[in-house]
Amino acid sequence: MKKVMYTRGAIPIIAIIAFLVALGGVGAVLMYANSNQTELEGEVAEVREEGAQQAQAGGYPSVWVEENLPQYPGAELTKTREGKSNAWGAQVTFETTDSLADVQSYFVAEMTNRGYASLMSIPANDFSFISQFRNGDAVFNTQGAKIGDGPKKKVILIYGDPSKI
């Protein structure tokens, strides 16, 4: 069955390549492929630049402020992004020396106070934690993990509201 699926998926690609070869030869195929690659590289560069600018500015994404999402006290932001670059709507990555249990407790309390229901939670241990919350269509995920042998922990927060994207 899988071979049939791959064959059906390849038919449109083969048709496009055959059309381009008939239209302008192998050069047209290479130009088409290069234009797609250039477009993708441009989008990736835009996402990286957007995240770097927001993290350097020390700010949370604008949707974070608009939606009154919690901002962890003393967080050292390392990456932020939002909008078209992230299908979830917004993402924040930060580092802290606080315990993972303290970080998880903070977000459980803050999200509950903001009217979010807990969907899933894997309690913090010395190495990691995961929590997920929902309020209507909006979903808020938290994931924390210890970084190497040092005291720092990395926390990733992901917010998304499909009705607003």
Protein backbone atom coordinates (compact mmCIF):
# COMPACT_ATOMS: atom_id res chain seq x y z
CA MET A 1 0.00 0.00 0.00
CA LYS A 2 2.84 2.41 0.83
CA LYS A 3 4.37 2.02 -2.62
CA VAL A 4 1.09 3.05 -4.21
CA MET A 5 0.93 6.14 -1.96
CA TYR A 6 4.47 7.17 -2.88
CA THR A 7 3.73 6.66 -6.56
CA ARG A 8 0.56 8.78 -6.39
CA GLY A 9 2.43 11.52 -4.52
CA ALA A 10 5.20 11.49 -7.10
CA ILE A 11 2.88 11.88 -10.11
CA PRO A 12 2.28 15.63 -9.67
CA ILE A 13 6.01 16.25 -9.17
CA ILE A 14 6.86 14.24 -12.27
CA ALA A 15 4.18 16.13 -14.22
CA ILE A 16 5.63 19.50 -13.15
CA ILE A 17 9.17 18.42 -14.09
CA ALA A 18 7.97 17.08 -17.47
CA PHE A 19 6.10 20.34 -18.14
CA LEU A 20 9.14 22.45 -17.25
CA VAL A 21 11.45 20.30 -19.38
CA ALA A 22 9.06 20.60 -22.34
CA LEU A 23 8.76 24.34 -21.78
CA GLY A 24 12.36 25.30 -21.29
CA GLY A 25 14.53 22.25 -20.94
CA VAL A 26 16.58 21.22 -17.93
CA GLY A 27 17.47 24.87 -17.28
CA ALA A 28 13.82 25.64 -16.48
CA VAL A 29 13.70 22.77 -13.99
CA LEU A 30 16.85 24.00 -12.26
CA MET A 31 15.57 27.61 -12.19
CA TYR A 32 12.29 26.41 -10.64
CA ALA A 33 14.10 24.38 -7.99
CA ASN A 34 16.52 27.23 -7.23
CA SER A 35 13.69 29.77 -6.92
CA ASN A 36 11.90 27.54 -4.38
CA GLN A 37 15.14 27.02 -2.44
CA THR A 38 15.86 30.77 -2.42
CA GLU A 39 12.33 31.52 -1.21
CA LEU A 40 12.61 28.96 1.61
CA GLU A 41 16.05 30.25 2.66
CA GLY A 42 14.61 33.79 2.76
CA GLU A 43 11.74 32.69 5.00
CA VAL A 44 14.11 30.83 7.35
CA ALA A 45 16.38 33.89 7.56
CA GLU A 46 13.35 36.09 8.31
CA VAL A 47 12.25 33.78 11.14
CA ARG A 48 15.76 33.72 12.63
CA GLU A 49 16.11 37.50 12.40
CA GLU A 50 12.65 38.06 13.92
CA GLY A 51 13.43 35.80 16.88
CA ALA A 52 16.87 37.32 17.42
CA GLN A 53 15.49 40.88 17.38
CA GLN A 54 12.75 40.09 19.89
CA ALA A 55 15.10 38.23 22.25
CA GLN A 56 17.72 41.02 22.01
CA ALA A 57 15.08 43.61 22.76
CA GLY A 58 14.28 41.57 25.85
CA GLY A 59 10.64 41.51 24.96
CA TYR A 60 8.00 38.89 24.81
CA PRO A 61 6.07 38.58 21.53
CA SER A 62 3.28 41.14 21.17
CA VAL A 63 0.60 38.41 21.32
CA TRP A 64 2.00 37.45 24.74
CA VAL A 65 1.22 40.90 26.09
CA GLU A 66 -2.12 41.17 24.24
CA GLU A 67 -3.32 37.81 25.63
CA ASN A 68 -2.00 38.57 29.15
CA LEU A 69 0.12 35.42 29.22
CA PRO A 70 2.45 34.87 32.18
CA GLN A 71 6.01 36.18 32.02
CA TYR A 72 8.28 34.19 34.29
CA PRO A 73 10.06 36.45 36.82
CA GLY A 74 13.79 36.72 36.15
CA ALA A 75 13.59 34.72 32.92
CA GLU A 76 16.57 35.11 30.60
CA LEU A 77 14.88 35.08 27.19
CA THR A 78 16.93 33.22 24.59
CA LYS A 79 14.42 33.02 21.74
CA THR A 80 10.99 34.37 20.91
CA ARG A 81 8.86 34.22 17.79
CA GLU A 82 5.28 34.71 16.71
CA GLY A 83 2.89 35.05 13.82
CA LYS A 84 3.42 33.55 10.40
CA SER A 85 6.77 32.10 11.40
CA ASN A 86 5.19 29.81 13.97
CA ALA A 87 1.95 27.95 13.31
CA TRP A 88 1.27 27.90 17.03
CA GLY A 89 1.08 31.69 17.24
CA ALA A 90 3.95 32.41 19.64
CA GLN A 91 6.87 30.68 21.26
CA VAL A 92 9.18 31.80 24.06
CA THR A 93 12.32 30.03 25.19
CA PHE A 94 14.10 31.10 28.34
CA GLU A 95 16.69 29.92 30.82
CA THR A 96 16.57 30.06 34.60
CA THR A 97 18.46 28.67 37.58
CA ASP A 98 15.21 28.08 39.49
CA SER A 99 14.15 24.49 40.08
CA LEU A 100 11.93 22.89 37.46
CA ALA A 101 9.33 22.21 40.17
CA ASP A 102 9.20 25.95 40.98
CA VAL A 103 8.85 26.86 37.30
CA GLN A 104 6.07 24.33 36.75
CA SER A 105 4.23 25.44 39.91
CA TYR A 106 4.38 29.06 38.76
CA PHE A 107 2.79 28.28 35.38
CA VAL A 108 0.13 25.98 36.87
CA ALA A 109 -0.93 28.75 39.27
CA GLU A 110 -0.76 31.53 36.67
CA MET A 111 -2.66 29.65 33.96
CA THR A 112 -5.34 28.51 36.42
CA ASN A 113 -5.77 32.12 37.60
CA ARG A 114 -6.21 33.16 33.95
CA GLY A 115 -9.07 30.69 33.44
CA TYR A 116 -7.14 27.90 31.69
CA ALA A 117 -7.90 24.26 32.49
CA SER A 118 -5.06 21.78 32.89
CA LEU A 119 -5.15 19.20 30.09
CA MET A 120 -2.04 17.25 30.95
CA SER A 121 0.84 17.45 33.37
CA ILE A 122 3.94 15.37 33.93
CA PRO A 123 5.27 16.45 37.32
CA ALA A 124 8.69 18.05 37.50
CA ASN A 125 11.66 15.98 38.55
CA ASP A 126 15.36 16.89 38.46
CA PHE A 127 15.44 16.63 34.66
CA SER A 128 12.16 17.75 33.07
CA PHE A 129 8.47 18.63 33.22
CA ILE A 130 5.56 19.11 30.80
CA SER A 131 2.21 20.86 31.29
CA GLN A 132 -0.57 21.75 28.86
CA PHE A 133 -3.51 24.11 29.38
CA ARG A 134 -6.61 25.09 27.38
CA ASN A 135 -9.07 27.98 27.45
CA GLY A 136 -11.61 27.72 24.60
CA ASP A 137 -9.55 27.29 21.43
CA ALA A 138 -6.38 28.68 23.05
CA VAL A 139 -3.70 26.18 24.09
CA PHE A 140 -0.64 26.90 26.24
CA ASN A 141 2.20 24.37 26.52
CA THR A 142 5.14 24.44 28.94
CA GLN A 143 8.17 22.18 28.76
CA GLY A 144 11.25 22.41 30.95
CA ALA A 145 14.53 20.53 30.95
CA LYS A 146 17.87 20.63 32.74
CA ILE A 147 20.78 21.83 30.58
CA GLY A 148 23.92 19.74 30.96
CA ASP A 149 25.60 19.55 34.37
CA GLY A 150 25.19 23.23 35.24
CA PRO A 151 22.45 24.93 37.25
CA LYS A 152 20.54 26.27 34.22
CA LYS A 153 17.23 24.93 32.99
CA LYS A 154 15.67 25.64 29.62
CA VAL A 155 11.93 26.27 29.42
CA ILE A 156 9.90 26.42 26.21
CA LEU A 157 6.46 28.03 26.23
CA ILE A 158 4.17 27.67 23.22
CA TYR A 159 0.88 29.53 22.85
CA GLY A 160 -1.64 29.09 20.10
CA ASP A 161 -5.21 30.04 19.38
CA PRO A 162 -6.27 28.54 16.03
CA SER A 163 -9.25 30.87 15.92
CA LYS A 164 -6.87 33.86 15.79
CA ILE A 165 -4.21 32.54 13.41
